Amino acid sequence: MNSFVNGLYVTSEWIMRFAVINLLWLAVNLPLVLFVILFVKSNALLFALPIVLLMPVLFFPATAAVFSSVRDWILEQEGSSLLRSYFRYFKANYKKSFLAGWVFEALWLVLIADYLYLREESPVLALVFIIFGTLLYALTINFFSVNAHYEMNLRALLKRALLLTFGSPVLLLAVIISGVILMYVSIRGPLFLLVFFTGSLTAFLSFSAFYRLYLKITKPEK
């Protein structure tokens, strides 16, 4: 009975962690979410500009704070307050994640523009750009993991994320597969998954895969 109660308590605690961090992430990104909804419903380019401007300002710093919070859980270094820890990481990593946001957004904009232009001209090239997009997604996610774990300047972080993404097929597949499954389930499934769990679960699974690789690389040889 005690084991059952303890297991129930631990499970509810983890559910609360994921839900709280995901809600904080959405709350910070609320202006961006509203413009995305308006853009999807109206398909008006007028709403695309605020999205482009807000991605580095809100999305990247907010997501970096999620990965830093998740890192604390995995390394069992969490503080007493999820709210306080999240906004501490948001503030501490803001400048670096803000600058990284412009770098990654430029890459994504070029990729999306090329895909939209070529998808009807050449299906083969469109498929190539979809593959590039998948790799860029993995690189973006790995950057967040690297940024959460290392104290480096932006150039070193980008280089480390690039090496991990293309130097470890296992990590690459883990990030892509977990991301695709979570996004598919969130879109096709009930809305509460997207609201309470998608962002934080993506960060947790991605950083877990990264940290397993980190431990394997840094494990001393016997």
Protein backbone atom coordinates (compact mmCIF):
# COMPACT_ATOMS: atom_id res chain seq x y z
CA MET A 1 0.00 0.00 0.00
CA ASN A 2 2.84 2.37 0.89
CA SER A 3 4.56 1.58 -2.42
CA PHE A 4 1.36 2.32 -4.30
CA VAL A 5 0.88 5.66 -2.51
CA ASN A 6 4.51 6.63 -3.08
CA GLY A 7 4.25 5.71 -6.75
CA LEU A 8 1.06 7.72 -7.10
CA TYR A 9 2.70 10.71 -5.42
CA VAL A 10 5.78 10.58 -7.65
CA THR A 11 3.62 10.22 -10.77
CA SER A 12 1.42 13.17 -9.83
CA GLU A 13 4.52 15.26 -9.04
CA TRP A 14 5.99 14.62 -12.50
CA ILE A 15 2.66 15.37 -14.18
CA MET A 16 2.53 18.65 -12.27
CA ARG A 17 6.08 19.54 -13.35
CA PHE A 18 5.35 18.98 -17.02
CA ALA A 19 2.05 20.83 -16.85
CA VAL A 20 3.38 23.87 -14.96
CA ILE A 21 6.43 24.35 -17.19
CA ASN A 22 4.37 23.88 -20.35
CA LEU A 23 1.80 26.45 -19.14
CA LEU A 24 4.58 28.92 -18.30
CA TRP A 25 6.06 28.38 -21.76
CA LEU A 26 2.68 29.04 -23.40
CA ALA A 27 2.01 32.07 -21.18
CA VAL A 28 5.27 33.72 -22.21
CA ASN A 29 4.53 32.91 -25.86
CA LEU A 30 0.88 34.02 -25.69
CA PRO A 31 1.27 37.05 -28.05
CA LEU A 32 3.04 34.80 -30.56
CA VAL A 33 0.35 32.12 -30.23
CA LEU A 34 -2.39 34.67 -30.92
CA PHE A 35 -0.68 35.91 -34.08
CA VAL A 36 -0.14 32.33 -35.26
CA ILE A 37 -3.86 31.61 -34.80
CA LEU A 38 -4.80 34.78 -36.70
CA PHE A 39 -2.38 33.91 -39.49
CA VAL A 40 -3.70 30.34 -39.82
CA LYS A 41 -7.33 31.48 -39.87
CA SER A 42 -6.90 34.43 -42.23
CA ASN A 43 -3.79 33.38 -44.18
CA ALA A 44 -2.93 37.09 -44.28
CA LEU A 45 0.71 38.04 -44.61
CA LEU A 46 -0.03 40.98 -42.33
CA PHE A 47 0.19 38.61 -39.35
CA ALA A 48 3.39 36.95 -40.56
CA LEU A 49 5.61 39.94 -39.67
CA PRO A 50 4.76 39.94 -35.93
CA ILE A 51 5.41 36.19 -35.87
CA VAL A 52 8.85 36.69 -37.41
CA LEU A 53 9.67 39.48 -34.96
CA LEU A 54 8.40 37.66 -31.87
CA MET A 55 10.11 34.31 -32.47
CA PRO A 56 13.58 35.47 -31.29
CA VAL A 57 12.08 37.79 -28.67
CA LEU A 58 9.76 35.27 -26.99
CA PHE A 59 9.88 31.74 -28.39
CA PHE A 60 13.62 31.07 -28.20
CA PRO A 61 14.21 32.50 -24.69
CA ALA A 62 11.05 30.78 -23.40
CA THR A 63 12.06 27.43 -24.90
CA ALA A 64 15.62 27.75 -23.61
CA ALA A 65 14.19 28.23 -20.11
CA VAL A 66 12.11 25.03 -20.53
CA PHE A 67 15.21 23.01 -21.43
CA SER A 68 17.16 24.46 -18.50
CA SER A 69 14.31 23.59 -16.13
CA VAL A 70 14.10 20.06 -17.51
CA ARG A 71 17.86 19.65 -17.11
CA ASP A 72 17.47 20.32 -13.39
CA TRP A 73 14.92 17.51 -13.11
CA ILE A 74 17.09 15.00 -14.95
CA LEU A 75 20.19 15.91 -12.92
CA GLU A 76 18.07 16.07 -9.72
CA GLN A 77 19.05 19.67 -9.09
CA GLU A 78 15.58 21.21 -9.09
CA GLY A 79 14.83 24.09 -6.76
CA SER A 80 11.84 24.65 -4.52
CA SER A 81 9.82 26.71 -7.01
CA LEU A 82 9.18 25.82 -10.65
CA LEU A 83 7.96 29.34 -11.35
CA ARG A 84 11.01 31.02 -9.84
CA SER A 85 13.45 28.64 -11.54
CA TYR A 86 11.82 29.06 -14.94
CA PHE A 87 11.95 32.84 -14.95
CA ARG A 88 15.47 32.83 -13.51
CA TYR A 89 16.60 30.77 -16.52
CA PHE A 90 14.53 32.93 -18.85
CA LYS A 91 16.35 36.04 -17.65
CA ALA A 92 19.81 34.47 -17.41
CA ASN A 93 19.76 32.98 -20.93
CA TYR A 94 17.80 35.74 -22.63
CA LYS A 95 20.58 37.51 -24.54
CA LYS A 96 22.18 34.32 -25.85
CA SER A 97 18.90 32.67 -26.85
CA PHE A 98 17.67 35.94 -28.37
CA LEU A 99 20.71 36.10 -30.66
CA ALA A 100 20.47 32.39 -31.46
CA GLY A 101 16.82 32.94 -32.34
CA TRP A 102 17.74 35.30 -35.16
CA VAL A 103 20.29 32.83 -36.52
CA PHE A 104 17.89 29.92 -36.54
CA GLU A 105 14.98 32.00 -37.78
CA ALA A 106 17.04 33.14 -40.77
CA LEU A 107 17.81 29.50 -41.60
CA TRP A 108 14.16 28.50 -41.23
CA LEU A 109 12.92 31.40 -43.36
CA VAL A 110 15.30 30.55 -46.20
CA LEU A 111 14.32 26.90 -46.03
CA ILE A 112 10.57 27.58 -45.96
CA ALA A 113 10.79 30.13 -48.79
CA ASP A 114 12.74 27.70 -50.99
CA TYR A 115 10.29 24.90 -50.23
CA LEU A 116 7.22 27.01 -51.05
CA TYR A 117 8.81 28.18 -54.28
CA LEU A 118 10.01 24.76 -55.45
CA ARG A 119 7.31 22.39 -54.22
CA GLU A 120 5.32 22.70 -57.44
CA GLU A 121 8.28 23.26 -59.73
CA SER A 122 10.14 20.15 -58.64
CA PRO A 123 8.70 17.53 -56.24
CA VAL A 124 12.17 16.02 -55.86
CA LEU A 125 13.68 19.28 -54.65
CA ALA A 126 10.67 19.80 -52.39
CA LEU A 127 11.40 16.42 -50.80
CA VAL A 128 15.04 17.41 -50.36
CA PHE A 129 14.01 20.57 -48.53
CA ILE A 130 11.69 18.54 -46.29
CA ILE A 131 14.70 16.39 -45.37
CA PHE A 132 16.75 19.54 -44.72
CA GLY A 133 13.89 20.84 -42.56
CA THR A 134 13.93 17.66 -40.49
CA LEU A 135 17.67 18.00 -39.94
CA LEU A 136 17.30 21.69 -39.07
CA TYR A 137 14.62 20.77 -36.53
CA ALA A 138 17.04 18.33 -34.87
CA LEU A 139 19.80 20.96 -34.91
CA THR A 140 17.49 23.52 -33.30
CA ILE A 141 16.43 21.12 -30.56
CA ASN A 142 20.01 20.02 -29.90
CA PHE A 143 21.04 23.65 -29.59
CA PHE A 144 18.55 24.07 -26.76
CA SER A 145 19.98 21.00 -25.01
CA VAL A 146 23.56 22.18 -25.44
CA ASN A 147 22.64 25.68 -24.30
CA ALA A 148 21.04 24.28 -21.15
CA HIS A 149 24.05 22.15 -20.24
CA TYR A 150 27.14 24.15 -21.23
CA GLU A 151 28.42 27.60 -20.32
CA MET A 152 29.79 28.70 -23.71
CA ASN A 153 29.57 31.63 -26.06
CA LEU A 154 27.05 31.47 -28.87
CA ARG A 155 29.50 30.40 -31.57
CA ALA A 156 30.80 27.50 -29.46
CA LEU A 157 27.25 26.40 -28.65
CA LEU A 158 26.25 26.41 -32.31
CA LYS A 159 29.36 24.44 -33.23
CA ARG A 160 28.75 21.87 -30.47
CA ALA A 161 25.10 21.47 -31.49
CA LEU A 162 26.15 21.00 -35.13
CA LEU A 163 28.70 18.33 -34.22
CA LEU A 164 26.24 16.45 -32.01
CA THR A 165 23.46 16.57 -34.60
CA PHE A 166 25.47 15.19 -37.48
CA GLY A 167 27.98 13.19 -35.45
CA SER A 168 25.48 11.01 -33.59
CA PRO A 169 22.85 9.20 -35.70
CA VAL A 170 21.26 7.78 -32.54
CA LEU A 171 20.70 11.24 -31.05
CA LEU A 172 19.50 12.54 -34.41
CA LEU A 173 16.90 9.78 -34.75
CA ALA A 174 15.82 10.05 -31.11
CA VAL A 175 15.15 13.78 -31.42
CA ILE A 176 13.34 13.49 -34.75
CA ILE A 177 11.22 10.45 -33.86
CA SER A 178 10.17 11.75 -30.42
CA GLY A 179 9.34 15.15 -31.89
CA VAL A 180 7.27 13.73 -34.75
CA ILE A 181 5.34 11.36 -32.47
CA LEU A 182 4.59 14.04 -29.87
CA MET A 183 3.51 16.56 -32.50
CA TYR A 184 1.30 14.03 -34.28
CA VAL A 185 -0.36 12.92 -31.04
CA SER A 186 -0.81 16.54 -29.91
CA ILE A 187 -2.41 17.63 -33.19
CA ARG A 188 -4.56 14.54 -33.64
CA GLY A 189 -5.32 14.00 -29.98
CA PRO A 190 -7.12 16.08 -27.36
CA LEU A 191 -6.19 19.75 -26.99
CA PHE A 192 -5.05 19.38 -23.37
CA LEU A 193 -1.96 17.47 -24.55
CA LEU A 194 -0.78 20.51 -26.50
CA VAL A 195 -1.65 22.89 -23.68
CA PHE A 196 -0.16 20.94 -20.78
CA PHE A 197 2.52 18.58 -22.08
CA THR A 198 3.83 18.91 -25.65
CA GLY A 199 6.55 21.51 -25.11
CA SER A 200 7.83 20.22 -21.79
CA LEU A 201 7.72 16.56 -22.88
CA THR A 202 9.61 17.38 -26.08
CA ALA A 203 12.29 19.12 -24.03
CA PHE A 204 12.45 16.26 -21.52
CA LEU A 205 12.82 13.49 -24.10
CA SER A 206 15.29 15.48 -26.21
CA PHE A 207 17.50 16.48 -23.30
CA SER A 208 17.36 12.94 -21.91
CA ALA A 209 18.70 11.60 -25.23
CA PHE A 210 21.37 14.31 -25.28
CA TYR A 211 22.41 13.63 -21.69
CA ARG A 212 22.73 9.89 -22.28
CA LEU A 213 25.11 10.67 -25.14
CA TYR A 214 26.97 13.18 -22.96
CA LEU A 215 27.49 10.59 -20.22
CA LYS A 216 28.67 8.04 -22.78
CA ILE A 217 31.18 10.48 -24.26
CA THR A 218 32.53 11.71 -20.92
CA LYS A 219 32.62 8.30 -19.22
CA PRO A 220 36.23 7.57 -18.26
CA GLU A 221 37.81 4.56 -19.89
CA LYS A 222 38.72 1.70 -17.59
